[in-house]
Amino acid sequence: MNLFTLPLLLGAPQGAGGAPASGMDQLVSFAPFILIIAIFYFLIIRPQNKKQKETQRMLSELKKGDKIVTIGGIHGTIASVKDSSLLIKIDDNVKVEVNRNAVASVTSVAKEEKIEAQNEDKKPETGET
């Protein structure tokens, strides 16, 4: 083979006579990657950050008397709160000390009681007899 037929076999370069791609062409070629990053941010990263903030807020607001569920599935009532742990009353004369991070959620029963207590405080007293 001679040197003149090699470029014919390889084919002509893409674009306008082998000129470098313009800025707009480069932007269009990176658009799918930018789109994928945006999708990951809005569908995965942002919701995870919100959930983490809510969990931290819930753990910081724990107080004596709250009904909770631990990560292990133990249901109980908080008997006392310490810096990094909680004493949970599971049954009569049964108390367990767990790490604060072991709390999975505050049960809806406790939330309903809080809402009822707030509603009772807000009700105007009537003088009916």
C-alpha atoms as a PDB file:
ATOM      1  CA  MET A   1       0.000   0.000   0.000  1.00  0.00           C
ATOM      2  CA  ASN A   2       1.189   3.419  -0.687  1.00  0.00           C
ATOM      3  CA  LEU A   3       0.792   6.487   1.518  1.00  0.00           C
ATOM      4  CA  PHE A   4      -1.862   8.031  -0.715  1.00  0.00           C
ATOM      5  CA  THR A   5      -4.478   5.263  -0.319  1.00  0.00           C
ATOM      6  CA  LEU A   6      -4.224   5.012   3.505  1.00  0.00           C
ATOM      7  CA  PRO A   7      -6.296   8.185   4.169  1.00  0.00           C
ATOM      8  CA  LEU A   8      -8.949   6.926   1.735  1.00  0.00           C
ATOM      9  CA  LEU A   9      -9.258   3.638   3.603  1.00  0.00           C
ATOM     10  CA  LEU A  10      -9.454   5.331   7.002  1.00  0.00           C
ATOM     11  CA  GLY A  11     -12.191   7.693   5.859  1.00  0.00           C
ATOM     12  CA  ALA A  12     -12.526  11.424   6.031  1.00  0.00           C
ATOM     13  CA  PRO A  13     -12.479  13.061   9.451  1.00  0.00           C
ATOM     14  CA  GLN A  14     -15.816  14.223  10.861  1.00  0.00           C
ATOM     15  CA  GLY A  15     -16.647  17.894  10.895  1.00  0.00           C
ATOM     16  CA  ALA A  16     -15.775  20.625   8.473  1.00  0.00           C
ATOM     17  CA  GLY A  17     -12.592  19.396   6.902  1.00  0.00           C
ATOM     18  CA  GLY A  18     -11.065  18.282  10.216  1.00  0.00           C
ATOM     19  CA  ALA A  19     -11.524  21.644  11.906  1.00  0.00           C
ATOM     20  CA  PRO A  20     -11.693  21.532  15.708  1.00  0.00           C
ATOM     21  CA  ALA A  21     -15.154  21.369  17.245  1.00  0.00           C
ATOM     22  CA  SER A  22     -16.675  24.688  18.225  1.00  0.00           C
ATOM     23  CA  GLY A  23     -17.717  25.596  21.773  1.00  0.00           C
ATOM     24  CA  MET A  24     -21.369  24.873  21.024  1.00  0.00           C
ATOM     25  CA  ASP A  25     -20.534  21.376  19.748  1.00  0.00           C
ATOM     26  CA  GLN A  26     -18.609  20.642  22.931  1.00  0.00           C
ATOM     27  CA  LEU A  27     -21.494  21.850  25.085  1.00  0.00           C
ATOM     28  CA  VAL A  28     -23.950  19.640  23.193  1.00  0.00           C
ATOM     29  CA  SER A  29     -21.650  16.651  23.616  1.00  0.00           C
ATOM     30  CA  PHE A  30     -21.502  17.204  27.408  1.00  0.00           C
ATOM     31  CA  ALA A  31     -25.237  17.842  27.758  1.00  0.00           C
ATOM     32  CA  PRO A  32     -26.128  14.196  28.559  1.00  0.00           C
ATOM     33  CA  PHE A  33     -23.546  14.115  31.351  1.00  0.00           C
ATOM     34  CA  ILE A  34     -24.839  17.392  32.799  1.00  0.00           C
ATOM     35  CA  LEU A  35     -28.392  16.051  32.600  1.00  0.00           C
ATOM     36  CA  ILE A  36     -27.433  12.830  34.407  1.00  0.00           C
ATOM     37  CA  ILE A  37     -25.727  14.784  37.184  1.00  0.00           C
ATOM     38  CA  ALA A  38     -28.815  16.996  37.602  1.00  0.00           C
ATOM     39  CA  ILE A  39     -31.095  13.949  37.769  1.00  0.00           C
ATOM     40  CA  PHE A  40     -28.888  12.311  40.406  1.00  0.00           C
ATOM     41  CA  TYR A  41     -28.906  15.499  42.459  1.00  0.00           C
ATOM     42  CA  PHE A  42     -32.682  15.986  42.449  1.00  0.00           C
ATOM     43  CA  LEU A  43     -33.664  12.309  42.768  1.00  0.00           C
ATOM     44  CA  ILE A  44     -30.990  10.953  45.121  1.00  0.00           C
ATOM     45  CA  ILE A  45     -28.707  13.477  46.827  1.00  0.00           C
ATOM     46  CA  ARG A  46     -31.202  16.216  47.751  1.00  0.00           C
ATOM     47  CA  PRO A  47     -33.882  13.901  49.262  1.00  0.00           C
ATOM     48  CA  GLN A  48     -31.219  12.040  51.234  1.00  0.00           C
ATOM     49  CA  ASN A  49     -29.916  15.301  52.701  1.00  0.00           C
ATOM     50  CA  LYS A  50     -33.472  16.322  53.673  1.00  0.00           C
ATOM     51  CA  LYS A  51     -34.087  12.971  55.358  1.00  0.00           C
ATOM     52  CA  GLN A  52     -30.808  13.216  57.269  1.00  0.00           C
ATOM     53  CA  LYS A  53     -31.695  16.699  58.544  1.00  0.00           C
ATOM     54  CA  GLU A  54     -35.159  15.520  59.651  1.00  0.00           C
ATOM     55  CA  THR A  55     -33.636  12.556  61.495  1.00  0.00           C
ATOM     56  CA  GLN A  56     -31.128  14.785  63.274  1.00  0.00           C
ATOM     57  CA  ARG A  57     -33.944  17.173  64.258  1.00  0.00           C
ATOM     58  CA  MET A  58     -36.065  14.280  65.556  1.00  0.00           C
ATOM     59  CA  LEU A  59     -33.155  12.912  67.621  1.00  0.00           C
ATOM     60  CA  SER A  60     -32.417  16.321  69.118  1.00  0.00           C
ATOM     61  CA  GLU A  61     -36.076  16.834  70.127  1.00  0.00           C
ATOM     62  CA  LEU A  62     -36.434  13.544  72.048  1.00  0.00           C
ATOM     63  CA  LYS A  63     -37.651  14.032  75.600  1.00  0.00           C
ATOM     64  CA  LYS A  64     -38.939  12.074  78.563  1.00  0.00           C
ATOM     65  CA  GLY A  65     -42.333  10.493  77.920  1.00  0.00           C
ATOM     66  CA  ASP A  66     -41.990  10.160  74.126  1.00  0.00           C
ATOM     67  CA  LYS A  67     -43.045   6.818  72.709  1.00  0.00           C
ATOM     68  CA  ILE A  68     -40.404   5.522  70.310  1.00  0.00           C
ATOM     69  CA  VAL A  69     -39.387   2.573  68.170  1.00  0.00           C
ATOM     70  CA  THR A  70     -35.731   1.573  68.012  1.00  0.00           C
ATOM     71  CA  ILE A  71     -33.884   0.327  64.950  1.00  0.00           C
ATOM     72  CA  GLY A  72     -34.133  -3.185  66.414  1.00  0.00           C
ATOM     73  CA  GLY A  73     -37.928  -2.893  66.624  1.00  0.00           C
ATOM     74  CA  ILE A  74     -38.270  -2.369  70.384  1.00  0.00           C
ATOM     75  CA  HIS A  75     -41.259  -0.225  71.319  1.00  0.00           C
ATOM     76  CA  GLY A  76     -40.977   1.758  74.519  1.00  0.00           C
ATOM     77  CA  THR A  77     -41.306   5.043  76.349  1.00  0.00           C
ATOM     78  CA  ILE A  78     -38.352   7.268  77.178  1.00  0.00           C
ATOM     79  CA  ALA A  79     -37.765   7.226  80.944  1.00  0.00           C
ATOM     80  CA  SER A  80     -34.749   9.546  80.961  1.00  0.00           C
ATOM     81  CA  VAL A  81     -32.556  11.378  78.483  1.00  0.00           C
ATOM     82  CA  LYS A  82     -28.763  11.610  78.724  1.00  0.00           C
ATOM     83  CA  ASP A  83     -26.242  13.265  76.403  1.00  0.00           C
ATOM     84  CA  SER A  84     -25.651  10.311  74.085  1.00  0.00           C
ATOM     85  CA  SER A  85     -28.073   7.681  75.376  1.00  0.00           C
ATOM     86  CA  LEU A  86     -31.673   7.136  76.414  1.00  0.00           C
ATOM     87  CA  LEU A  87     -33.220   4.993  79.135  1.00  0.00           C
ATOM     88  CA  ILE A  88     -36.262   3.312  77.620  1.00  0.00           C
ATOM     89  CA  LYS A  89     -39.046   1.761  79.676  1.00  0.00           C
ATOM     90  CA  ILE A  90     -40.257  -1.284  77.796  1.00  0.00           C
ATOM     91  CA  ASP A  91     -42.509  -2.843  80.442  1.00  0.00           C
ATOM     92  CA  ASP A  92     -43.050  -2.617  84.199  1.00  0.00           C
ATOM     93  CA  ASN A  93     -39.629  -2.900  85.885  1.00  0.00           C
ATOM     94  CA  VAL A  94     -37.884  -3.356  82.504  1.00  0.00           C
ATOM     95  CA  LYS A  95     -35.657  -0.509  81.388  1.00  0.00           C
ATOM     96  CA  VAL A  96     -33.014  -0.567  78.661  1.00  0.00           C
ATOM     97  CA  GLU A  97     -30.336   1.982  77.930  1.00  0.00           C
ATOM     98  CA  VAL A  98     -29.773   2.557  74.209  1.00  0.00           C
ATOM     99  CA  ASN A  99     -27.716   4.924  72.138  1.00  0.00           C
ATOM    100  CA  ARG A 100     -29.599   7.982  70.895  1.00  0.00           C
ATOM    101  CA  ASN A 101     -28.840   6.981  67.294  1.00  0.00           C
ATOM    102  CA  ALA A 102     -30.690   3.683  67.814  1.00  0.00           C
ATOM    103  CA  VAL A 103     -34.049   5.460  67.681  1.00  0.00           C
ATOM    104  CA  ALA A 104     -35.751   4.832  64.362  1.00  0.00           C
ATOM    105  CA  SER A 105     -38.876   6.914  64.889  1.00  0.00           C
ATOM    106  CA  VAL A 106     -41.263   8.521  67.307  1.00  0.00           C
ATOM    107  CA  THR A 107     -44.532   6.603  67.078  1.00  0.00           C
ATOM    108  CA  SER A 108     -47.642   8.229  65.715  1.00  0.00           C
ATOM    109  CA  VAL A 109     -49.462   7.627  69.015  1.00  0.00           C
ATOM    110  CA  ALA A 110     -47.132  10.053  70.773  1.00  0.00           C
ATOM    111  CA  LYS A 111     -47.518  12.543  67.932  1.00  0.00           C
ATOM    112  CA  GLU A 112     -51.320  12.341  68.177  1.00  0.00           C
ATOM    113  CA  GLU A 113     -51.143  12.920  71.942  1.00  0.00           C
ATOM    114  CA  LYS A 114     -48.969  16.003  71.384  1.00  0.00           C
ATOM    115  CA  ILE A 115     -51.423  17.362  68.813  1.00  0.00           C
ATOM    116  CA  GLU A 116     -54.366  16.748  71.164  1.00  0.00           C
ATOM    117  CA  ALA A 117     -52.537  18.468  74.022  1.00  0.00           C
ATOM    118  CA  GLN A 118     -51.785  21.465  71.806  1.00  0.00           C
ATOM    119  CA  ASN A 119     -55.411  21.630  70.659  1.00  0.00           C
ATOM    120  CA  GLU A 120     -56.657  21.527  74.258  1.00  0.00           C
ATOM    121  CA  ASP A 121     -54.342  24.387  75.181  1.00  0.00           C
ATOM    122  CA  LYS A 122     -55.646  26.477  72.281  1.00  0.00           C
ATOM    123  CA  LYS A 123     -59.371  25.895  72.948  1.00  0.00           C
ATOM    124  CA  PRO A 124     -61.086  28.922  74.450  1.00  0.00           C
ATOM    125  CA  GLU A 125     -62.755  28.188  77.755  1.00  0.00           C
ATOM    126  CA  THR A 126     -66.508  28.614  77.729  1.00  0.00           C
ATOM    127  CA  GLY A 127     -68.463  29.518  80.811  1.00  0.00           C
ATOM    128  CA  GLU A 128     -71.359  27.136  80.102  1.00  0.00           C
ATOM    129  CA  THR A 129     -72.825  25.204  83.055  1.00  0.00           C
END
